[in-house]
Amino acid sequence: MAWIRTIGDDEAEGRLGGVYRAAVKRAGRVAGIVRLMSLEPKILQASMMMYQEVTTRESSPLPRWFRELVAVTVSRLNHCHY
């Protein structure tokens, strides 16, 4: 397994601090998948925006539970413990 340097919650400032605070508000913690992109906060923020558009956007024609089910199924098929 590779070791990837990440920025901890107590070190996060600026844009990264905002993304971390939003993650804690949304999920109660900063998930590892979020932390993996902590060295590139601009990319992390864009990734989170895309994820939210795909899975949690209110105006989607598909219900949220179905979109999240698809995300979980794809992660499982990829052996990703997301």
PDB file of N, CA and C in Angstrom:
ATOM      1  N   MET A   1       0.835  -1.175   0.000  1.00  0.00           N
ATOM      2  CA  MET A   1       0.000   0.000   0.000  1.00  0.00           C
ATOM      3  C   MET A   1       0.882   1.241   0.000  1.00  0.00           C
ATOM      4  N   ALA A   2       0.525   2.214  -0.817  1.00  0.00           N
ATOM      5  CA  ALA A   2       1.292   3.449  -0.904  1.00  0.00           C
ATOM      6  C   ALA A   2       1.006   4.352   0.282  1.00  0.00           C
ATOM      7  N   TRP A   3       1.975   5.156   0.648  1.00  0.00           N
ATOM      8  CA  TRP A   3       1.804   6.146   1.698  1.00  0.00           C
ATOM      9  C   TRP A   3       1.708   7.497   1.020  1.00  0.00           C
ATOM     10  N   ILE A   4       0.665   8.210   1.324  1.00  0.00           N
ATOM     11  CA  ILE A   4       0.441   9.518   0.720  1.00  0.00           C
ATOM     12  C   ILE A   4       0.361  10.548   1.838  1.00  0.00           C
ATOM     13  N   ARG A   5       1.184  11.580   1.736  1.00  0.00           N
ATOM     14  CA  ARG A   5       1.163  12.642   2.735  1.00  0.00           C
ATOM     15  C   ARG A   5      -0.138  13.426   2.598  1.00  0.00           C
ATOM     16  N   THR A   6      -0.778  13.688   3.719  1.00  0.00           N
ATOM     17  CA  THR A   6      -2.014  14.460   3.733  1.00  0.00           C
ATOM     18  C   THR A   6      -1.911  15.563   4.781  1.00  0.00           C
ATOM     19  N   ILE A   7      -2.838  16.469   4.732  1.00  0.00           N
ATOM     20  CA  ILE A   7      -2.890  17.564   5.699  1.00  0.00           C
ATOM     21  C   ILE A   7      -3.979  17.251   6.711  1.00  0.00           C
ATOM     22  N   GLY A   8      -3.606  17.273   7.986  1.00  0.00           N
ATOM     23  CA  GLY A   8      -4.541  16.955   9.061  1.00  0.00           C
ATOM     24  C   GLY A   8      -5.542  18.063   9.309  1.00  0.00           C
ATOM     25  N   ASP A   9      -6.584  17.741  10.038  1.00  0.00           N
ATOM     26  CA  ASP A   9      -7.649  18.693  10.343  1.00  0.00           C
ATOM     27  C   ASP A   9      -7.104  19.948  11.019  1.00  0.00           C
ATOM     28  N   ASP A  10      -6.187  19.775  11.939  1.00  0.00           N
ATOM     29  CA  ASP A  10      -5.656  20.905  12.701  1.00  0.00           C
ATOM     30  C   ASP A  10      -4.711  21.783  11.877  1.00  0.00           C
ATOM     31  N   GLU A  11      -4.268  21.317  10.729  1.00  0.00           N
ATOM     32  CA  GLU A  11      -3.361  22.081   9.863  1.00  0.00           C
ATOM     33  C   GLU A  11      -4.084  22.752   8.697  1.00  0.00           C
ATOM     34  N   ALA A  12      -5.322  22.370   8.440  1.00  0.00           N
ATOM     35  CA  ALA A  12      -6.060  22.847   7.265  1.00  0.00           C
ATOM     36  C   ALA A  12      -6.429  24.319   7.423  1.00  0.00           C
ATOM     37  N   GLU A  13      -6.053  25.118   6.424  1.00  0.00           N
ATOM     38  CA  GLU A  13      -6.346  26.554   6.421  1.00  0.00           C
ATOM     39  C   GLU A  13      -6.949  26.936   5.074  1.00  0.00           C
ATOM     40  N   GLY A  14      -7.492  28.135   5.014  1.00  0.00           N
ATOM     41  CA  GLY A  14      -7.991  28.678   3.754  1.00  0.00           C
ATOM     42  C   GLY A  14      -9.012  27.779   3.089  1.00  0.00           C
ATOM     43  N   ARG A  15      -8.834  27.575   1.782  1.00  0.00           N
ATOM     44  CA  ARG A  15      -9.770  26.768   0.994  1.00  0.00           C
ATOM     45  C   ARG A  15      -9.887  25.357   1.563  1.00  0.00           C
ATOM     46  N   LEU A  16      -8.750  24.756   1.915  1.00  0.00           N
ATOM     47  CA  LEU A  16      -8.777  23.398   2.460  1.00  0.00           C
ATOM     48  C   LEU A  16      -9.538  23.367   3.782  1.00  0.00           C
ATOM     49  N   GLY A  17      -9.329  24.359   4.618  1.00  0.00           N
ATOM     50  CA  GLY A  17     -10.064  24.427   5.878  1.00  0.00           C
ATOM     51  C   GLY A  17     -11.563  24.475   5.641  1.00  0.00           C
ATOM     52  N   GLY A  18     -11.976  25.225   4.626  1.00  0.00           N
ATOM     53  CA  GLY A  18     -13.394  25.298   4.286  1.00  0.00           C
ATOM     54  C   GLY A  18     -13.948  23.964   3.818  1.00  0.00           C
ATOM     55  N   VAL A  19     -13.182  23.270   2.994  1.00  0.00           N
ATOM     56  CA  VAL A  19     -13.618  21.953   2.510  1.00  0.00           C
ATOM     57  C   VAL A  19     -13.711  20.975   3.691  1.00  0.00           C
ATOM     58  N   TYR A  20     -12.735  20.999   4.578  1.00  0.00           N
ATOM     59  CA  TYR A  20     -12.757  20.120   5.757  1.00  0.00           C
ATOM     60  C   TYR A  20     -13.952  20.434   6.651  1.00  0.00           C
ATOM     61  N   ARG A  21     -14.217  21.725   6.896  1.00  0.00           N
ATOM     62  CA  ARG A  21     -15.355  22.094   7.741  1.00  0.00           C
ATOM     63  C   ARG A  21     -16.668  21.622   7.115  1.00  0.00           C
ATOM     64  N   ALA A  22     -16.786  21.759   5.800  1.00  0.00           N
ATOM     65  CA  ALA A  22     -17.986  21.294   5.107  1.00  0.00           C
ATOM     66  C   ALA A  22     -18.130  19.774   5.225  1.00  0.00           C
ATOM     67  N   ALA A  23     -17.008  19.062   5.143  1.00  0.00           N
ATOM     68  CA  ALA A  23     -17.044  17.599   5.266  1.00  0.00           C
ATOM     69  C   ALA A  23     -17.515  17.186   6.657  1.00  0.00           C
ATOM     70  N   VAL A  24     -17.006  17.864   7.668  1.00  0.00           N
ATOM     71  CA  VAL A  24     -17.417  17.551   9.050  1.00  0.00           C
ATOM     72  C   VAL A  24     -18.895  17.868   9.241  1.00  0.00           C
ATOM     73  N   LYS A  25     -19.347  18.979   8.690  1.00  0.00           N
ATOM     74  CA  LYS A  25     -20.761  19.348   8.794  1.00  0.00           C
ATOM     75  C   LYS A  25     -21.655  18.319   8.097  1.00  0.00           C
ATOM     76  N   ARG A  26     -21.197  17.839   6.943  1.00  0.00           N
ATOM     77  CA  ARG A  26     -21.976  16.904   6.137  1.00  0.00           C
ATOM     78  C   ARG A  26     -21.935  15.484   6.682  1.00  0.00           C
ATOM     79  N   ALA A  27     -20.747  15.031   7.117  1.00  0.00           N
ATOM     80  CA  ALA A  27     -20.586  13.616   7.461  1.00  0.00           C
ATOM     81  C   ALA A  27     -20.075  13.364   8.883  1.00  0.00           C
ATOM     82  N   GLY A  28     -19.797  14.433   9.618  1.00  0.00           N
ATOM     83  CA  GLY A  28     -19.311  14.253  10.983  1.00  0.00           C
ATOM     84  C   GLY A  28     -17.814  14.038  11.088  1.00  0.00           C
ATOM     85  N   ARG A  29     -17.144  13.966   9.938  1.00  0.00           N
ATOM     86  CA  ARG A  29     -15.692  13.755   9.915  1.00  0.00           C
ATOM     87  C   ARG A  29     -15.165  14.038   8.511  1.00  0.00           C
ATOM     88  N   VAL A  30     -13.839  14.088   8.398  1.00  0.00           N
ATOM     89  CA  VAL A  30     -13.203  14.225   7.093  1.00  0.00           C
ATOM     90  C   VAL A  30     -12.818  12.816   6.635  1.00  0.00           C
ATOM     91  N   ALA A  31     -13.465  12.335   5.608  1.00  0.00           N
ATOM     92  CA  ALA A  31     -13.214  10.974   5.115  1.00  0.00           C
ATOM     93  C   ALA A  31     -11.837  10.886   4.460  1.00  0.00           C
ATOM     94  N   GLY A  32     -11.280   9.698   4.475  1.00  0.00           N
ATOM     95  CA  GLY A  32      -9.970   9.459   3.880  1.00  0.00           C
ATOM     96  C   GLY A  32      -9.909   9.839   2.416  1.00  0.00           C
ATOM     97  N   ILE A  33     -10.983   9.599   1.682  1.00  0.00           N
ATOM     98  CA  ILE A  33     -11.019   9.924   0.258  1.00  0.00           C
ATOM     99  C   ILE A  33     -10.892  11.433   0.049  1.00  0.00           C
ATOM    100  N   VAL A  34     -11.406  12.212   0.982  1.00  0.00           N
ATOM    101  CA  VAL A  34     -11.288  13.668   0.929  1.00  0.00           C
ATOM    102  C   VAL A  34      -9.866  14.076   1.299  1.00  0.00           C
ATOM    103  N   ARG A  35      -9.356  13.493   2.353  1.00  0.00           N
ATOM    104  CA  ARG A  35      -8.019  13.821   2.856  1.00  0.00           C
ATOM    105  C   ARG A  35      -6.925  13.509   1.825  1.00  0.00           C
ATOM    106  N   LEU A  36      -7.159  12.513   0.978  1.00  0.00           N
ATOM    107  CA  LEU A  36      -6.151  12.144  -0.022  1.00  0.00           C
ATOM    108  C   LEU A  36      -5.818  13.269  -0.987  1.00  0.00           C
ATOM    109  N   MET A  37      -6.758  14.182  -1.193  1.00  0.00           N
ATOM    110  CA  MET A  37      -6.526  15.292  -2.120  1.00  0.00           C
ATOM    111  C   MET A  37      -6.156  16.581  -1.399  1.00  0.00           C
ATOM    112  N   SER A  38      -5.818  16.490  -0.125  1.00  0.00           N
ATOM    113  CA  SER A  38      -5.598  17.690   0.687  1.00  0.00           C
ATOM    114  C   SER A  38      -4.419  18.545   0.233  1.00  0.00           C
ATOM    115  N   LEU A  39      -3.465  17.980  -0.471  1.00  0.00           N
ATOM    116  CA  LEU A  39      -2.331  18.770  -0.952  1.00  0.00           C
ATOM    117  C   LEU A  39      -2.703  19.641  -2.151  1.00  0.00           C
ATOM    118  N   GLU A  40      -3.854  19.371  -2.738  1.00  0.00           N
ATOM    119  CA  GLU A  40      -4.343  20.144  -3.894  1.00  0.00           C
ATOM    120  C   GLU A  40      -5.776  20.606  -3.608  1.00  0.00           C
ATOM    121  N   PRO A  41      -5.941  21.590  -2.710  1.00  0.00           N
ATOM    122  CA  PRO A  41      -7.285  22.016  -2.310  1.00  0.00           C
ATOM    123  C   PRO A  41      -8.189  22.461  -3.455  1.00  0.00           C
ATOM    124  N   LYS A  42      -7.622  23.080  -4.478  1.00  0.00           N
ATOM    125  CA  LYS A  42      -8.445  23.519  -5.613  1.00  0.00           C
ATOM    126  C   LYS A  42      -9.061  22.321  -6.321  1.00  0.00           C
ATOM    127  N   ILE A  43      -8.263  21.269  -6.528  1.00  0.00           N
ATOM    128  CA  ILE A  43      -8.761  20.049  -7.168  1.00  0.00           C
ATOM    129  C   ILE A  43      -9.748  19.341  -6.243  1.00  0.00           C
ATOM    130  N   LEU A  44      -9.437  19.305  -4.954  1.00  0.00           N
ATOM    131  CA  LEU A  44     -10.337  18.685  -3.971  1.00  0.00           C
ATOM    132  C   LEU A  44     -11.693  19.376  -3.989  1.00  0.00           C
ATOM    133  N   GLN A  45     -11.700  20.693  -3.975  1.00  0.00           N
ATOM    134  CA  GLN A  45     -12.952  21.439  -3.972  1.00  0.00           C
ATOM    135  C   GLN A  45     -13.759  21.153  -5.244  1.00  0.00           C
ATOM    136  N   ALA A  46     -13.096  21.114  -6.382  1.00  0.00           N
ATOM    137  CA  ALA A  46     -13.781  20.805  -7.648  1.00  0.00           C
ATOM    138  C   ALA A  46     -14.343  19.386  -7.627  1.00  0.00           C
ATOM    139  N   SER A  47     -13.582  18.454  -7.077  1.00  0.00           N
ATOM    140  CA  SER A  47     -14.025  17.066  -6.980  1.00  0.00           C
ATOM    141  C   SER A  47     -15.261  16.951  -6.089  1.00  0.00           C
ATOM    142  N   MET A  48     -15.248  17.665  -4.967  1.00  0.00           N
ATOM    143  CA  MET A  48     -16.389  17.630  -4.056  1.00  0.00           C
ATOM    144  C   MET A  48     -17.624  18.246  -4.705  1.00  0.00           C
ATOM    145  N   MET A  49     -17.428  19.317  -5.455  1.00  0.00           N
ATOM    146  CA  MET A  49     -18.562  19.948  -6.142  1.00  0.00           C
ATOM    147  C   MET A  49     -19.164  18.995  -7.175  1.00  0.00           C
ATOM    148  N   MET A  50     -18.302  18.301  -7.912  1.00  0.00           N
ATOM    149  CA  MET A  50     -18.793  17.351  -8.905  1.00  0.00           C
ATOM    150  C   MET A  50     -19.545  16.204  -8.214  1.00  0.00           C
ATOM    151  N   TYR A  51     -18.968  15.673  -7.139  1.00  0.00           N
ATOM    152  CA  TYR A  51     -19.612  14.590  -6.392  1.00  0.00           C
ATOM    153  C   TYR A  51     -21.006  15.026  -5.919  1.00  0.00           C
ATOM    154  N   GLN A  52     -21.084  16.222  -5.359  1.00  0.00           N
ATOM    155  CA  GLN A  52     -22.368  16.692  -4.851  1.00  0.00           C
ATOM    156  C   GLN A  52     -23.377  16.908  -5.971  1.00  0.00           C
ATOM    157  N   GLU A  53     -22.925  17.391  -7.108  1.00  0.00           N
ATOM    158  CA  GLU A  53     -23.836  17.558  -8.246  1.00  0.00           C
ATOM    159  C   GLU A  53     -24.396  16.217  -8.703  1.00  0.00           C
ATOM    160  N   VAL A  54     -23.548  15.207  -8.697  1.00  0.00           N
ATOM    161  CA  VAL A  54     -23.966  13.891  -9.178  1.00  0.00           C
ATOM    162  C   VAL A  54     -24.849  13.177  -8.165  1.00  0.00           C
ATOM    163  N   THR A  55     -24.515  13.261  -6.878  1.00  0.00           N
ATOM    164  CA  THR A  55     -25.218  12.430  -5.903  1.00  0.00           C
ATOM    165  C   THR A  55     -26.257  13.134  -5.041  1.00  0.00           C
ATOM    166  N   THR A  56     -26.084  14.415  -4.757  1.00  0.00           N
ATOM    167  CA  THR A  56     -26.975  15.031  -3.776  1.00  0.00           C
ATOM    168  C   THR A  56     -27.804  16.202  -4.298  1.00  0.00           C
ATOM    169  N   ARG A  57     -27.651  16.575  -5.532  1.00  0.00           N
ATOM    170  CA  ARG A  57     -28.395  17.717  -6.089  1.00  0.00           C
ATOM    171  C   ARG A  57     -29.897  17.462  -6.021  1.00  0.00           C
ATOM    172  N   GLU A  58     -30.621  18.419  -5.498  1.00  0.00           N
ATOM    173  CA  GLU A  58     -32.072  18.286  -5.318  1.00  0.00           C
ATOM    174  C   GLU A  58     -32.833  18.164  -6.637  1.00  0.00           C
ATOM    175  N   SER A  59     -32.381  18.852  -7.680  1.00  0.00           N
ATOM    176  CA  SER A  59     -33.148  18.916  -8.925  1.00  0.00           C
ATOM    177  C   SER A  59     -32.864  17.764  -9.898  1.00  0.00           C
ATOM    178  N   SER A  60     -32.191  16.725  -9.442  1.00  0.00           N
ATOM    179  CA  SER A  60     -31.896  15.587 -10.319  1.00  0.00           C
ATOM    180  C   SER A  60     -33.183  14.829 -10.661  1.00  0.00           C
ATOM    181  N   PRO A  61     -33.276  14.282 -11.872  1.00  0.00           N
ATOM    182  CA  PRO A  61     -34.454  13.488 -12.220  1.00  0.00           C
ATOM    183  C   PRO A  61     -34.489  12.130 -11.491  1.00  0.00           C
ATOM    184  N   LEU A  62     -33.351  11.716 -10.950  1.00  0.00           N
ATOM    185  CA  LEU A  62     -33.299  10.443 -10.214  1.00  0.00           C
ATOM    186  C   LEU A  62     -33.329  10.712  -8.721  1.00  0.00           C
ATOM    187  N   PRO A  63     -34.001   9.857  -7.946  1.00  0.00           N
ATOM    188  CA  PRO A  63     -34.023  10.082  -6.501  1.00  0.00           C
ATOM    189  C   PRO A  63     -32.626   9.908  -5.891  1.00  0.00           C
ATOM    190  N   ARG A  64     -32.361  10.638  -4.809  1.00  0.00           N
ATOM    191  CA  ARG A  64     -31.042  10.606  -4.177  1.00  0.00           C
ATOM    192  C   ARG A  64     -30.652   9.185  -3.769  1.00  0.00           C
ATOM    193  N   TRP A  65     -31.596   8.434  -3.194  1.00  0.00           N
ATOM    194  CA  TRP A  65     -31.261   7.090  -2.729  1.00  0.00           C
ATOM    195  C   TRP A  65     -30.729   6.239  -3.884  1.00  0.00           C
ATOM    196  N   PHE A  66     -31.289   6.435  -5.095  1.00  0.00           N
ATOM    197  CA  PHE A  66     -30.856   5.654  -6.245  1.00  0.00           C
ATOM    198  C   PHE A  66     -29.454   6.064  -6.686  1.00  0.00           C
ATOM    199  N   ARG A  67     -29.189   7.376  -6.705  1.00  0.00           N
ATOM    200  CA  ARG A  67     -27.860   7.858  -7.091  1.00  0.00           C
ATOM    201  C   ARG A  67     -26.797   7.369  -6.113  1.00  0.00           C
ATOM    202  N   GLU A  68     -27.127   7.388  -4.822  1.00  0.00           N
ATOM    203  CA  GLU A  68     -26.165   6.898  -3.832  1.00  0.00           C
ATOM    204  C   GLU A  68     -25.985   5.386  -3.930  1.00  0.00           C
ATOM    205  N   LEU A  69     -27.053   4.674  -4.265  1.00  0.00           N
ATOM    206  CA  LEU A  69     -26.951   3.234  -4.466  1.00  0.00           C
ATOM    207  C   LEU A  69     -26.013   2.911  -5.625  1.00  0.00           C
ATOM    208  N   VAL A  70     -26.120   3.653  -6.709  1.00  0.00           N
ATOM    209  CA  VAL A  70     -25.214   3.470  -7.848  1.00  0.00           C
ATOM    210  C   VAL A  70     -23.771   3.722  -7.410  1.00  0.00           C
ATOM    211  N   ALA A  71     -23.527   4.799  -6.647  1.00  0.00           N
ATOM    212  CA  ALA A  71     -22.172   5.108  -6.184  1.00  0.00           C
ATOM    213  C   ALA A  71     -21.608   3.990  -5.309  1.00  0.00           C
ATOM    214  N   VAL A  72     -22.422   3.463  -4.415  1.00  0.00           N
ATOM    215  CA  VAL A  72     -21.977   2.372  -3.532  1.00  0.00           C
ATOM    216  C   VAL A  72     -21.701   1.115  -4.353  1.00  0.00           C
ATOM    217  N   THR A  73     -22.567   0.816  -5.297  1.00  0.00           N
ATOM    218  CA  THR A  73     -22.389  -0.381  -6.133  1.00  0.00           C
ATOM    219  C   THR A  73     -21.104  -0.293  -6.951  1.00  0.00           C
ATOM    220  N   VAL A  74     -20.849   0.843  -7.555  1.00  0.00           N
ATOM    221  CA  VAL A  74     -19.622   1.026  -8.337  1.00  0.00           C
ATOM    222  C   VAL A  74     -18.394   0.899  -7.432  1.00  0.00           C
ATOM    223  N   SER A  75     -18.450   1.508  -6.257  1.00  0.00           N
ATOM    224  CA  SER A  75     -17.329   1.396  -5.326  1.00  0.00           C
ATOM    225  C   SER A  75     -17.084  -0.049  -4.932  1.00  0.00           C
ATOM    226  N   ARG A  76     -18.141  -0.777  -4.663  1.00  0.00           N
ATOM    227  CA  ARG A  76     -17.990  -2.193  -4.285  1.00  0.00           C
ATOM    228  C   ARG A  76     -17.396  -3.011  -5.442  1.00  0.00           C
ATOM    229  N   LEU A  77     -17.880  -2.771  -6.644  1.00  0.00           N
ATOM    230  CA  LEU A  77     -17.346  -3.492  -7.801  1.00  0.00           C
ATOM    231  C   LEU A  77     -15.865  -3.190  -8.023  1.00  0.00           C
ATOM    232  N   ASN A  78     -15.439  -1.976  -7.641  1.00  0.00           N
ATOM    233  CA  ASN A  78     -14.042  -1.584  -7.758  1.00  0.00           C
ATOM    234  C   ASN A  78     -13.221  -1.944  -6.523  1.00  0.00           C
ATOM    235  N   HIS A  79     -13.839  -2.684  -5.600  1.00  0.00           N
ATOM    236  CA  HIS A  79     -13.183  -3.076  -4.339  1.00  0.00           C
ATOM    237  C   HIS A  79     -12.701  -1.855  -3.572  1.00  0.00           C
ATOM    238  N   CYS A  80     -13.495  -0.792  -3.621  1.00  0.00           N
ATOM    239  CA  CYS A  80     -13.198   0.441  -2.916  1.00  0.00           C
ATOM    240  C   CYS A  80     -14.085   0.499  -1.669  1.00  0.00           C
ATOM    241  N   HIS A  81     -13.476   0.555  -0.512  1.00  0.00           N
ATOM    242  CA  HIS A  81     -14.245   0.564   0.730  1.00  0.00           C
ATOM    243  C   HIS A  81     -14.631   1.987   1.079  1.00  0.00           C
ATOM    244  N   TYR A  82     -15.242   2.643   0.135  1.00  0.00           N
ATOM    245  CA  TYR A  82     -15.690   4.032   0.268  1.00  0.00           C
ATOM    246  C   TYR A  82     -16.973   4.038   1.015  1.00  0.00           C
TER     247      TYR A  82
END
